[in-house]
N, C-alpha and C. Protein backbone atom coordinates (compact mmCIF):
# COMPACT_ATOMS: atom_id res chain seq x y z
N MET A 1 0.82 -1.21 0.00
CA MET A 1 -0.01 0.00 -0.02
C MET A 1 0.86 1.28 -0.01
N THR A 2 1.95 1.21 0.77
CA THR A 2 2.86 2.37 0.82
C THR A 2 3.44 2.65 -0.55
N ARG A 3 3.91 1.60 -1.24
CA ARG A 3 4.50 1.77 -2.58
C ARG A 3 3.45 2.29 -3.54
N THR A 4 2.24 1.76 -3.44
CA THR A 4 1.15 2.18 -4.34
C THR A 4 0.85 3.65 -4.15
N LEU A 5 0.73 4.12 -2.89
CA LEU A 5 0.42 5.49 -2.61
C LEU A 5 1.51 6.41 -3.17
N CYS A 6 2.75 6.06 -2.96
CA CYS A 6 3.85 6.86 -3.46
C CYS A 6 3.89 6.89 -4.99
N ALA A 7 3.65 5.72 -5.63
CA ALA A 7 3.67 5.63 -7.08
C ALA A 7 2.57 6.48 -7.70
N VAL A 8 1.37 6.40 -7.12
CA VAL A 8 0.26 7.21 -7.63
C VAL A 8 0.57 8.67 -7.53
N ALA A 9 1.13 9.08 -6.37
CA ALA A 9 1.46 10.51 -6.21
C ALA A 9 2.48 10.98 -7.21
N ILE A 10 3.53 10.19 -7.39
CA ILE A 10 4.62 10.58 -8.32
C ILE A 10 4.11 10.64 -9.74
N LEU A 11 3.33 9.64 -10.17
CA LEU A 11 2.76 9.65 -11.50
C LEU A 11 1.82 10.78 -11.70
N SER A 12 1.00 11.11 -10.70
CA SER A 12 0.08 12.24 -10.82
C SER A 12 0.81 13.56 -10.95
N LEU A 13 1.88 13.70 -10.18
CA LEU A 13 2.66 14.94 -10.28
C LEU A 13 3.32 15.05 -11.64
N ALA A 14 3.84 13.92 -12.16
CA ALA A 14 4.48 13.94 -13.48
C ALA A 14 3.47 14.17 -14.57
N ALA A 15 2.22 13.77 -14.35
CA ALA A 15 1.20 13.92 -15.40
C ALA A 15 0.66 15.32 -15.48
N GLY A 16 0.93 16.15 -14.46
CA GLY A 16 0.43 17.50 -14.47
C GLY A 16 1.11 18.35 -15.53
N PRO A 17 0.67 19.62 -15.62
CA PRO A 17 1.28 20.51 -16.62
C PRO A 17 2.82 20.53 -16.42
N ALA A 18 3.54 20.35 -17.53
CA ALA A 18 4.95 20.03 -17.46
C ALA A 18 5.80 21.01 -16.66
N ALA A 19 5.63 22.29 -16.84
CA ALA A 19 6.56 23.24 -16.18
C ALA A 19 5.76 24.14 -15.24
N ALA A 20 4.87 23.58 -14.45
CA ALA A 20 4.05 24.43 -13.54
C ALA A 20 3.79 23.68 -12.28
N GLY A 21 3.81 24.40 -11.18
CA GLY A 21 3.48 23.80 -9.88
C GLY A 21 3.99 24.66 -8.75
N GLU A 22 3.96 24.11 -7.53
CA GLU A 22 4.36 24.82 -6.37
C GLU A 22 5.17 23.92 -5.45
N ALA A 23 6.16 24.50 -4.77
CA ALA A 23 6.89 23.77 -3.74
C ALA A 23 6.69 24.57 -2.47
N PHE A 24 6.57 23.88 -1.30
CA PHE A 24 6.28 24.59 -0.07
C PHE A 24 7.02 23.94 1.09
N ALA A 25 7.22 24.76 2.11
CA ALA A 25 7.87 24.31 3.35
C ALA A 25 7.37 25.17 4.50
N GLY A 26 7.19 24.56 5.67
CA GLY A 26 6.68 25.34 6.80
C GLY A 26 6.90 24.64 8.12
N LEU A 27 6.56 25.38 9.19
CA LEU A 27 6.71 24.91 10.57
C LEU A 27 5.34 24.89 11.20
N TYR A 28 4.99 23.75 11.85
CA TYR A 28 3.66 23.54 12.41
C TYR A 28 3.71 23.21 13.87
N ALA A 29 2.71 23.69 14.62
CA ALA A 29 2.44 23.19 15.97
C ALA A 29 1.94 21.77 15.80
N HIS A 30 2.44 20.84 16.59
CA HIS A 30 2.18 19.41 16.37
C HIS A 30 1.24 18.85 17.42
N ASP A 31 0.32 17.99 17.00
CA ASP A 31 -0.60 17.27 17.89
C ASP A 31 -1.41 18.27 18.71
N ILE A 32 -2.10 19.20 17.99
CA ILE A 32 -2.92 20.16 18.68
C ILE A 32 -4.27 19.59 19.04
N ALA A 33 -4.91 20.16 20.06
CA ALA A 33 -6.27 19.79 20.42
C ALA A 33 -7.20 20.72 19.61
N ASP A 34 -7.71 20.19 18.49
CA ASP A 34 -8.51 21.04 17.58
C ASP A 34 -9.97 20.65 17.51
N HIS A 35 -10.49 19.99 18.52
CA HIS A 35 -11.86 19.49 18.62
C HIS A 35 -12.15 18.35 17.70
N ILE A 36 -11.16 17.94 16.89
CA ILE A 36 -11.30 16.73 16.06
C ILE A 36 -10.22 15.72 16.54
N SER A 37 -9.09 16.24 16.96
CA SER A 37 -7.98 15.42 17.47
C SER A 37 -7.93 15.51 18.99
N LEU A 38 -7.49 14.46 19.65
CA LEU A 38 -7.32 14.48 21.10
C LEU A 38 -6.31 15.54 21.51
N GLY A 39 -5.13 15.52 20.90
CA GLY A 39 -4.13 16.55 21.11
C GLY A 39 -3.29 16.42 22.37
N ASN A 40 -2.16 17.09 22.35
CA ASN A 40 -1.27 17.29 23.51
C ASN A 40 -0.72 15.99 24.08
N VAL A 41 -0.49 14.98 23.22
CA VAL A 41 0.17 13.77 23.64
C VAL A 41 1.63 13.81 23.20
N GLU A 42 1.85 14.14 21.93
CA GLU A 42 3.21 14.15 21.39
C GLU A 42 3.86 15.54 21.56
N ARG A 43 5.20 15.53 21.50
CA ARG A 43 5.98 16.73 21.69
C ARG A 43 6.56 17.21 20.35
N GLY A 44 7.24 18.36 20.39
CA GLY A 44 7.96 18.88 19.24
C GLY A 44 7.07 19.59 18.28
N GLN A 45 7.73 20.08 17.21
CA GLN A 45 7.01 20.74 16.11
C GLN A 45 7.15 19.85 14.88
N GLN A 46 6.35 20.17 13.83
CA GLN A 46 6.40 19.41 12.62
C GLN A 46 6.96 20.30 11.50
N ILE A 47 8.02 19.82 10.85
CA ILE A 47 8.54 20.50 9.68
C ILE A 47 7.87 19.82 8.48
N VAL A 48 7.09 20.58 7.73
CA VAL A 48 6.32 20.02 6.58
C VAL A 48 6.83 20.64 5.29
N PHE A 49 7.11 19.77 4.32
CA PHE A 49 7.51 20.26 3.01
C PHE A 49 6.86 19.36 1.94
N GLY A 50 6.70 19.94 0.75
CA GLY A 50 6.09 19.15 -0.28
C GLY A 50 5.96 19.87 -1.60
N VAL A 51 5.22 19.31 -2.50
CA VAL A 51 4.97 19.89 -3.84
C VAL A 51 3.50 19.76 -4.17
N ARG A 52 3.05 20.59 -5.09
CA ARG A 52 1.67 20.61 -5.50
C ARG A 52 1.65 21.02 -6.99
N THR A 53 0.86 20.33 -7.76
CA THR A 53 0.76 20.64 -9.18
C THR A 53 -0.12 21.86 -9.42
N ALA A 54 -0.06 22.35 -10.63
CA ALA A 54 -1.09 23.26 -11.16
C ALA A 54 -2.39 22.42 -11.32
N PRO A 55 -3.50 23.07 -11.56
CA PRO A 55 -4.76 22.30 -11.77
C PRO A 55 -4.59 21.26 -12.87
N VAL A 56 -5.01 20.05 -12.61
CA VAL A 56 -4.90 18.96 -13.60
C VAL A 56 -6.15 19.02 -14.51
N GLU A 57 -5.98 19.64 -15.66
CA GLU A 57 -7.10 19.82 -16.55
C GLU A 57 -7.61 18.53 -17.16
N GLU A 58 -6.77 17.51 -17.07
CA GLU A 58 -7.20 16.19 -17.59
C GLU A 58 -8.23 15.50 -16.69
N LEU A 59 -8.56 16.12 -15.55
CA LEU A 59 -9.56 15.57 -14.64
C LEU A 59 -10.72 16.53 -14.44
N PRO A 60 -11.40 16.91 -15.55
CA PRO A 60 -12.50 17.90 -15.39
C PRO A 60 -13.66 17.35 -14.60
N TRP A 61 -13.86 16.02 -14.61
CA TRP A 61 -14.96 15.40 -13.84
C TRP A 61 -14.69 15.50 -12.35
N LEU A 62 -13.45 15.81 -11.94
CA LEU A 62 -13.11 16.07 -10.54
C LEU A 62 -12.87 17.56 -10.28
N PHE A 63 -13.35 18.39 -11.26
CA PHE A 63 -13.19 19.85 -11.16
C PHE A 63 -11.72 20.26 -11.15
N SER A 64 -10.91 19.57 -11.95
CA SER A 64 -9.49 19.92 -12.16
C SER A 64 -8.74 20.19 -10.85
N PRO A 65 -8.56 19.18 -10.02
CA PRO A 65 -7.88 19.39 -8.77
C PRO A 65 -6.39 19.55 -8.94
N ARG A 66 -5.74 20.06 -7.90
CA ARG A 66 -4.29 20.02 -7.81
C ARG A 66 -3.89 18.75 -7.05
N VAL A 67 -2.78 18.18 -7.36
CA VAL A 67 -2.28 16.98 -6.68
C VAL A 67 -1.15 17.41 -5.75
N HIS A 68 -1.22 16.96 -4.49
CA HIS A 68 -0.15 17.31 -3.57
C HIS A 68 0.54 16.08 -3.03
N LEU A 69 1.80 16.24 -2.69
CA LEU A 69 2.60 15.21 -2.03
C LEU A 69 3.39 15.97 -0.95
N LEU A 70 3.24 15.52 0.31
CA LEU A 70 3.92 16.19 1.39
C LEU A 70 4.48 15.23 2.41
N ALA A 71 5.48 15.72 3.16
CA ALA A 71 6.06 14.94 4.25
C ALA A 71 6.13 15.80 5.49
N GLY A 72 5.84 15.22 6.63
CA GLY A 72 5.93 15.91 7.92
C GLY A 72 6.97 15.20 8.81
N ILE A 73 8.00 15.93 9.22
CA ILE A 73 9.06 15.39 10.05
C ILE A 73 8.99 16.03 11.41
N ASN A 74 8.93 15.24 12.48
CA ASN A 74 8.82 15.76 13.81
C ASN A 74 10.18 16.07 14.44
N THR A 75 10.31 17.26 15.05
CA THR A 75 11.59 17.68 15.61
C THR A 75 11.98 16.96 16.90
N ALA A 76 11.02 16.24 17.54
CA ALA A 76 11.33 15.55 18.78
C ALA A 76 11.30 14.03 18.62
N GLY A 77 11.35 13.55 17.38
CA GLY A 77 11.36 12.13 17.14
C GLY A 77 10.02 11.45 17.31
N GLU A 78 8.93 12.21 17.30
CA GLU A 78 7.63 11.64 17.41
C GLU A 78 7.12 11.23 16.03
N THR A 79 5.82 11.29 15.75
CA THR A 79 5.27 10.76 14.50
C THR A 79 5.65 11.59 13.29
N ASP A 80 6.25 10.92 12.29
CA ASP A 80 6.50 11.46 10.95
C ASP A 80 5.44 10.88 10.02
N TYR A 81 5.14 11.58 8.93
CA TYR A 81 4.17 11.06 7.97
C TYR A 81 4.46 11.50 6.55
N LEU A 82 3.89 10.74 5.63
CA LEU A 82 3.96 11.03 4.19
C LEU A 82 2.52 10.96 3.67
N ALA A 83 2.12 11.98 2.92
CA ALA A 83 0.72 12.01 2.44
C ALA A 83 0.67 12.47 0.99
N ALA A 84 -0.39 12.03 0.31
CA ALA A 84 -0.64 12.44 -1.07
C ALA A 84 -2.13 12.61 -1.24
N GLY A 85 -2.56 13.56 -2.06
CA GLY A 85 -4.00 13.75 -2.23
C GLY A 85 -4.30 14.82 -3.27
N LEU A 86 -5.55 15.28 -3.20
CA LEU A 86 -6.09 16.26 -4.14
C LEU A 86 -6.59 17.49 -3.38
N SER A 87 -6.48 18.66 -3.99
CA SER A 87 -7.01 19.87 -3.37
C SER A 87 -7.60 20.79 -4.46
N TRP A 88 -8.46 21.70 -4.02
CA TRP A 88 -9.17 22.57 -4.94
C TRP A 88 -9.01 24.01 -4.42
N ARG A 89 -8.61 24.91 -5.31
CA ARG A 89 -8.35 26.31 -4.91
C ARG A 89 -9.54 27.22 -5.26
N PHE A 90 -9.93 28.01 -4.26
CA PHE A 90 -11.02 29.01 -4.45
C PHE A 90 -10.43 30.37 -4.14
N ARG A 91 -10.41 31.22 -5.14
CA ARG A 91 -9.83 32.56 -5.01
C ARG A 91 -10.88 33.55 -4.50
N PHE A 92 -10.40 34.54 -3.74
CA PHE A 92 -11.30 35.62 -3.33
C PHE A 92 -10.41 36.87 -3.10
N GLY A 93 -11.06 38.03 -2.96
CA GLY A 93 -10.28 39.27 -2.78
C GLY A 93 -9.43 39.58 -4.00
N GLY A 94 -10.01 39.44 -5.18
CA GLY A 94 -9.24 39.60 -6.41
C GLY A 94 -8.45 38.30 -6.64
N ASP A 95 -7.15 38.46 -6.94
CA ASP A 95 -6.31 37.26 -7.20
C ASP A 95 -5.30 37.06 -6.08
N ARG A 96 -5.42 37.81 -4.97
CA ARG A 96 -4.39 37.79 -3.94
C ARG A 96 -4.62 36.75 -2.84
N PHE A 97 -5.86 36.33 -2.63
CA PHE A 97 -6.15 35.42 -1.51
C PHE A 97 -6.86 34.17 -2.05
N TYR A 98 -6.67 33.08 -1.35
CA TYR A 98 -7.34 31.84 -1.74
C TYR A 98 -7.55 30.93 -0.54
N PHE A 99 -8.56 30.09 -0.66
CA PHE A 99 -8.83 29.03 0.32
C PHE A 99 -8.71 27.72 -0.44
N GLU A 100 -7.98 26.76 0.11
CA GLU A 100 -7.74 25.52 -0.60
C GLU A 100 -7.93 24.28 0.33
N PRO A 101 -9.12 23.68 0.28
CA PRO A 101 -9.33 22.43 1.03
C PRO A 101 -8.85 21.25 0.21
N GLY A 102 -8.48 20.17 0.90
CA GLY A 102 -8.01 18.98 0.20
C GLY A 102 -8.26 17.72 1.00
N ILE A 103 -8.07 16.58 0.37
CA ILE A 103 -8.25 15.31 1.01
C ILE A 103 -7.27 14.32 0.40
N GLY A 104 -6.70 13.45 1.23
CA GLY A 104 -5.72 12.50 0.71
C GLY A 104 -5.59 11.31 1.63
N GLY A 105 -4.54 10.56 1.42
CA GLY A 105 -4.22 9.40 2.25
C GLY A 105 -2.81 9.58 2.80
N ALA A 106 -2.54 9.01 3.96
CA ALA A 106 -1.24 9.16 4.61
C ALA A 106 -0.78 7.84 5.23
N ILE A 107 0.52 7.72 5.32
CA ILE A 107 1.14 6.66 6.13
C ILE A 107 2.03 7.32 7.15
N HIS A 108 2.31 6.63 8.27
CA HIS A 108 3.06 7.26 9.36
C HIS A 108 3.92 6.19 10.07
N ASN A 109 4.81 6.68 10.89
CA ASN A 109 5.66 5.79 11.65
C ASN A 109 5.39 5.80 13.14
N GLY A 110 4.22 6.29 13.54
CA GLY A 110 3.85 6.35 14.95
C GLY A 110 3.31 5.06 15.48
N ALA A 111 2.82 5.08 16.71
CA ALA A 111 2.33 3.88 17.38
C ALA A 111 0.99 3.41 16.76
N VAL A 112 0.83 2.10 16.69
CA VAL A 112 -0.41 1.48 16.21
C VAL A 112 -0.72 0.26 17.05
N ASN A 113 -1.93 0.17 17.56
CA ASN A 113 -2.43 -1.01 18.31
C ASN A 113 -1.47 -1.41 19.44
N LEU A 114 -1.23 -0.45 20.34
CA LEU A 114 -0.44 -0.78 21.52
C LEU A 114 -1.12 -1.86 22.35
N PRO A 115 -0.37 -2.82 22.84
CA PRO A 115 -0.97 -3.92 23.65
C PRO A 115 -1.50 -3.43 24.97
N SER A 116 -2.56 -4.04 25.45
CA SER A 116 -3.21 -3.63 26.68
C SER A 116 -2.37 -4.01 27.92
N PRO A 117 -2.29 -3.11 28.90
CA PRO A 117 -1.63 -3.49 30.18
C PRO A 117 -2.52 -4.38 31.05
N TYR A 118 -3.75 -4.60 30.64
CA TYR A 118 -4.68 -5.39 31.43
C TYR A 118 -4.83 -6.82 30.90
N ASP A 119 -3.99 -7.20 29.92
CA ASP A 119 -4.04 -8.58 29.46
C ASP A 119 -3.66 -9.54 30.60
N PRO A 120 -4.32 -10.70 30.68
CA PRO A 120 -3.94 -11.65 31.74
C PRO A 120 -2.59 -12.31 31.44
N ASN A 121 -2.02 -12.86 32.47
CA ASN A 121 -0.78 -13.65 32.37
C ASN A 121 0.42 -12.82 31.87
N ILE A 122 0.51 -11.57 32.22
CA ILE A 122 1.70 -10.80 31.93
C ILE A 122 2.27 -10.36 33.26
N SER A 123 3.57 -10.11 33.29
CA SER A 123 4.23 -9.73 34.54
C SER A 123 3.87 -8.31 34.91
N PHE A 124 4.12 -8.00 36.18
CA PHE A 124 3.89 -6.64 36.65
C PHE A 124 4.74 -5.62 35.88
N ALA A 125 6.00 -6.01 35.59
CA ALA A 125 6.91 -5.12 34.86
C ALA A 125 6.40 -4.88 33.45
N GLU A 126 5.87 -5.94 32.79
CA GLU A 126 5.31 -5.77 31.44
C GLU A 126 4.05 -4.93 31.46
N ALA A 127 3.21 -5.15 32.47
CA ALA A 127 1.98 -4.36 32.57
C ALA A 127 2.32 -2.90 32.79
N THR A 128 3.33 -2.63 33.63
CA THR A 128 3.75 -1.24 33.87
C THR A 128 4.32 -0.59 32.61
N ARG A 129 5.12 -1.33 31.85
CA ARG A 129 5.66 -0.82 30.59
C ARG A 129 4.54 -0.47 29.61
N ARG A 130 3.57 -1.38 29.47
CA ARG A 130 2.46 -1.14 28.57
C ARG A 130 1.61 0.03 29.00
N TYR A 131 1.40 0.18 30.31
CA TYR A 131 0.62 1.28 30.81
C TYR A 131 1.31 2.61 30.51
N ASN A 132 2.64 2.63 30.73
CA ASN A 132 3.42 3.84 30.41
C ASN A 132 3.31 4.17 28.92
N ASP A 133 3.35 3.16 28.06
CA ASP A 133 3.14 3.41 26.62
C ASP A 133 1.80 4.01 26.36
N TRP A 134 0.77 3.49 26.99
CA TRP A 134 -0.57 4.05 26.83
C TRP A 134 -0.61 5.52 27.20
N GLN A 135 0.11 5.88 28.25
CA GLN A 135 0.06 7.27 28.73
C GLN A 135 0.92 8.23 27.92
N SER A 136 1.98 7.72 27.28
CA SER A 136 2.93 8.60 26.64
C SER A 136 3.00 8.55 25.14
N LYS A 137 2.32 7.54 24.51
CA LYS A 137 2.39 7.41 23.07
C LYS A 137 1.01 7.63 22.44
N LEU A 138 0.99 8.23 21.26
CA LEU A 138 -0.26 8.45 20.52
C LEU A 138 -0.48 7.27 19.61
N ASP A 139 -1.47 6.41 20.00
CA ASP A 139 -1.81 5.22 19.19
C ASP A 139 -2.89 5.65 18.16
N LEU A 140 -2.48 5.77 16.89
CA LEU A 140 -3.36 6.27 15.87
C LEU A 140 -4.31 5.21 15.33
N GLY A 141 -4.16 3.95 15.74
CA GLY A 141 -5.15 2.94 15.42
C GLY A 141 -4.98 2.28 14.05
N SER A 142 -4.24 2.87 13.13
CA SER A 142 -4.05 2.31 11.81
C SER A 142 -2.78 2.91 11.21
N ARG A 143 -2.05 2.14 10.44
CA ARG A 143 -0.84 2.64 9.77
C ARG A 143 -1.22 3.57 8.60
N ILE A 144 -2.39 3.31 8.00
CA ILE A 144 -2.86 4.11 6.86
C ILE A 144 -4.02 4.97 7.32
N LEU A 145 -4.00 6.25 7.00
CA LEU A 145 -4.99 7.21 7.53
C LEU A 145 -5.46 8.11 6.41
N PHE A 146 -6.65 8.70 6.65
CA PHE A 146 -7.12 9.81 5.79
C PHE A 146 -6.32 11.06 6.17
N GLU A 147 -6.21 11.99 5.18
CA GLU A 147 -5.50 13.22 5.41
C GLU A 147 -6.29 14.40 4.88
N PRO A 148 -7.36 14.84 5.59
CA PRO A 148 -8.01 16.09 5.21
C PRO A 148 -7.14 17.28 5.59
N GLU A 149 -7.20 18.33 4.85
CA GLU A 149 -6.41 19.51 5.13
C GLU A 149 -7.05 20.75 4.53
N TRP A 150 -6.62 21.90 4.97
CA TRP A 150 -6.98 23.15 4.31
C TRP A 150 -5.87 24.17 4.47
N SER A 151 -5.83 25.08 3.56
CA SER A 151 -4.86 26.19 3.66
C SER A 151 -5.56 27.52 3.27
N LEU A 152 -5.13 28.58 3.90
CA LEU A 152 -5.63 29.92 3.58
C LEU A 152 -4.40 30.69 3.13
N GLY A 153 -4.37 31.10 1.84
CA GLY A 153 -3.17 31.67 1.30
C GLY A 153 -3.29 33.13 0.91
N TRP A 154 -2.14 33.80 0.94
CA TRP A 154 -1.97 35.18 0.49
C TRP A 154 -0.86 35.17 -0.56
N LYS A 155 -1.20 35.61 -1.76
CA LYS A 155 -0.23 35.67 -2.84
C LYS A 155 0.56 36.97 -2.72
N ALA A 156 1.75 36.89 -2.14
CA ALA A 156 2.54 38.08 -1.88
C ALA A 156 3.16 38.68 -3.14
N THR A 157 3.68 37.79 -4.03
CA THR A 157 4.24 38.20 -5.30
C THR A 157 3.77 37.19 -6.35
N LYS A 158 4.23 37.41 -7.58
CA LYS A 158 3.86 36.46 -8.63
C LYS A 158 4.33 35.06 -8.32
N ARG A 159 5.44 34.90 -7.63
CA ARG A 159 6.04 33.60 -7.37
C ARG A 159 5.86 33.11 -5.93
N MET A 160 5.65 34.01 -4.97
CA MET A 160 5.66 33.62 -3.57
C MET A 160 4.31 33.83 -2.91
N SER A 161 3.91 32.85 -2.09
CA SER A 161 2.72 32.96 -1.27
C SER A 161 3.03 32.54 0.15
N VAL A 162 2.16 32.93 1.06
CA VAL A 162 2.24 32.50 2.45
C VAL A 162 0.91 31.88 2.81
N GLU A 163 0.94 30.73 3.47
CA GLU A 163 -0.30 30.03 3.80
C GLU A 163 -0.39 29.71 5.30
N LEU A 164 -1.57 29.90 5.88
CA LEU A 164 -1.90 29.23 7.13
C LEU A 164 -2.43 27.88 6.72
N SER A 165 -2.02 26.83 7.45
CA SER A 165 -2.33 25.49 7.01
C SER A 165 -2.68 24.59 8.18
N TRP A 166 -3.66 23.73 7.97
CA TRP A 166 -4.05 22.70 8.96
C TRP A 166 -4.06 21.36 8.27
N ILE A 167 -3.44 20.36 8.91
CA ILE A 167 -3.35 19.00 8.42
C ILE A 167 -3.86 18.08 9.51
N HIS A 168 -4.76 17.16 9.15
CA HIS A 168 -5.34 16.21 10.09
C HIS A 168 -5.10 14.81 9.58
N LEU A 169 -4.79 13.88 10.50
CA LEU A 169 -4.68 12.46 10.17
C LEU A 169 -5.59 11.65 11.08
N SER A 170 -6.40 10.78 10.51
CA SER A 170 -7.23 9.84 11.27
C SER A 170 -7.80 8.81 10.34
N HIS A 171 -8.41 7.76 10.92
CA HIS A 171 -9.06 6.75 10.09
C HIS A 171 -10.59 6.77 10.19
N ALA A 172 -11.16 7.82 10.83
CA ALA A 172 -12.59 7.98 10.94
C ALA A 172 -13.29 6.77 11.56
N LYS A 173 -12.60 6.06 12.43
CA LYS A 173 -13.10 4.87 13.10
C LYS A 173 -13.42 3.70 12.18
N LEU A 174 -12.88 3.75 10.96
CA LEU A 174 -13.03 2.64 10.04
C LEU A 174 -12.15 1.47 10.40
N ALA A 175 -11.08 1.74 11.20
CA ALA A 175 -10.17 0.68 11.62
C ALA A 175 -10.36 0.31 13.09
N GLY A 176 -11.49 0.73 13.68
CA GLY A 176 -11.74 0.43 15.07
C GLY A 176 -11.97 1.69 15.89
N GLY A 177 -12.22 1.45 17.18
CA GLY A 177 -12.52 2.58 18.07
C GLY A 177 -11.35 3.44 18.47
N GLN A 178 -10.13 2.90 18.31
CA GLN A 178 -8.90 3.67 18.70
C GLN A 178 -8.62 4.68 17.60
N ASN A 179 -9.03 5.96 17.79
CA ASN A 179 -8.91 6.96 16.74
C ASN A 179 -8.75 8.36 17.34
N PRO A 180 -7.64 8.64 18.05
CA PRO A 180 -7.47 9.95 18.66
C PRO A 180 -7.27 11.07 17.64
N GLY A 181 -6.80 10.73 16.44
CA GLY A 181 -6.50 11.74 15.42
C GLY A 181 -5.21 12.48 15.75
N LEU A 182 -4.72 13.15 14.74
CA LEU A 182 -3.50 13.95 14.89
C LEU A 182 -3.66 15.23 14.07
N GLY A 183 -3.54 16.37 14.73
CA GLY A 183 -3.71 17.64 14.06
C GLY A 183 -2.45 18.48 14.12
N ASP A 184 -2.06 19.07 13.00
CA ASP A 184 -0.93 19.98 12.90
C ASP A 184 -1.40 21.30 12.30
N PHE A 185 -0.97 22.43 12.88
CA PHE A 185 -1.38 23.75 12.37
C PHE A 185 -0.15 24.64 12.29
N GLY A 186 0.03 25.30 11.15
CA GLY A 186 1.18 26.14 11.03
C GLY A 186 1.18 27.11 9.84
N VAL A 187 2.35 27.62 9.56
CA VAL A 187 2.54 28.57 8.46
C VAL A 187 3.58 28.01 7.50
N ARG A 188 3.33 28.17 6.24
CA ARG A 188 4.30 27.68 5.24
C ARG A 188 4.49 28.70 4.11
N ALA A 189 5.67 28.69 3.56
CA ALA A 189 6.01 29.51 2.41
C ALA A 189 5.83 28.68 1.15
N VAL A 190 5.29 29.28 0.11
CA VAL A 190 5.01 28.56 -1.13
C VAL A 190 5.72 29.26 -2.29
N TYR A 191 6.48 28.51 -3.05
CA TYR A 191 7.15 29.05 -4.25
C TYR A 191 6.47 28.48 -5.47
N ARG A 192 6.00 29.34 -6.34
CA ARG A 192 5.31 28.95 -7.57
C ARG A 192 6.29 28.97 -8.73
N TYR A 193 6.39 27.85 -9.46
CA TYR A 193 7.28 27.80 -10.58
C TYR A 193 6.49 27.50 -11.85
N GLY A 194 7.01 27.91 -12.97
CA GLY A 194 6.34 27.67 -14.27
C GLY A 194 5.20 28.64 -14.47
N VAL A 195 4.24 28.24 -15.27
CA VAL A 195 3.09 29.08 -15.59
C VAL A 195 2.22 29.25 -14.37
N ASP A 196 1.85 30.47 -14.03
CA ASP A 196 1.04 30.76 -12.87
C ASP A 196 -0.41 30.44 -13.16
N ARG A 197 -0.95 29.35 -12.50
CA ARG A 197 -2.35 28.95 -12.74
C ARG A 197 -3.04 28.78 -11.43
C-alpha cells in the first residue's frame, strides 16, 4: 500500500502541466487539540515540506484538482508522515487570496495497536511498561490514515505565497474505536514555478 500510494502521487505529479506547480515548506504546531484530534500527547514541532501541481485539466470530472505530495518530520522524534492527495483552490479578494481544502491518504511511523496493560498472564513489569506506553504514546489505530487539510493563502508576489495550514490524520473509526487523530497547524511559504495557474 505504501508503494502504491507513493507511485500514484509521483505519476500524478508527473502527469500535471509540465513546467508548472508549487513547492512549499513550513513549521507547524504538532498534535494540537483542535476539537477533532485528542491533542497534547506528542511533543515537538512538525517540519512540513512538499509539492503541488497546477490544476490537472485532464480531470474535469473532478473539477481539475491540484495533486499534492507532502512529508511531515517531527523535531522531537515523534510521529512522521507522508501524504498524497487532491485539493481545490477557491480565490477571493481579487487574485491575492485563496482558500484551498483537500483530501488524501497518509502513512506514518507512529504507534499502532499498543498492547493492553490489562491482558492476563503478563508480569507486573510488562503491565507497567504497557501502561506507560498508553500514557505517553499516541496510538493512531491504523498505519494508513485519511489526510483532510486546508490552507488559507496570500499571494505576496507572482512567485511567492504565504499560507496558514491545517493537516489532520485519522481513520474515521473505520479501523476500530482507537482513533485519537493527529492535528498539525502552522505557516508555510510557497514558491510557484512555471506558468502561474
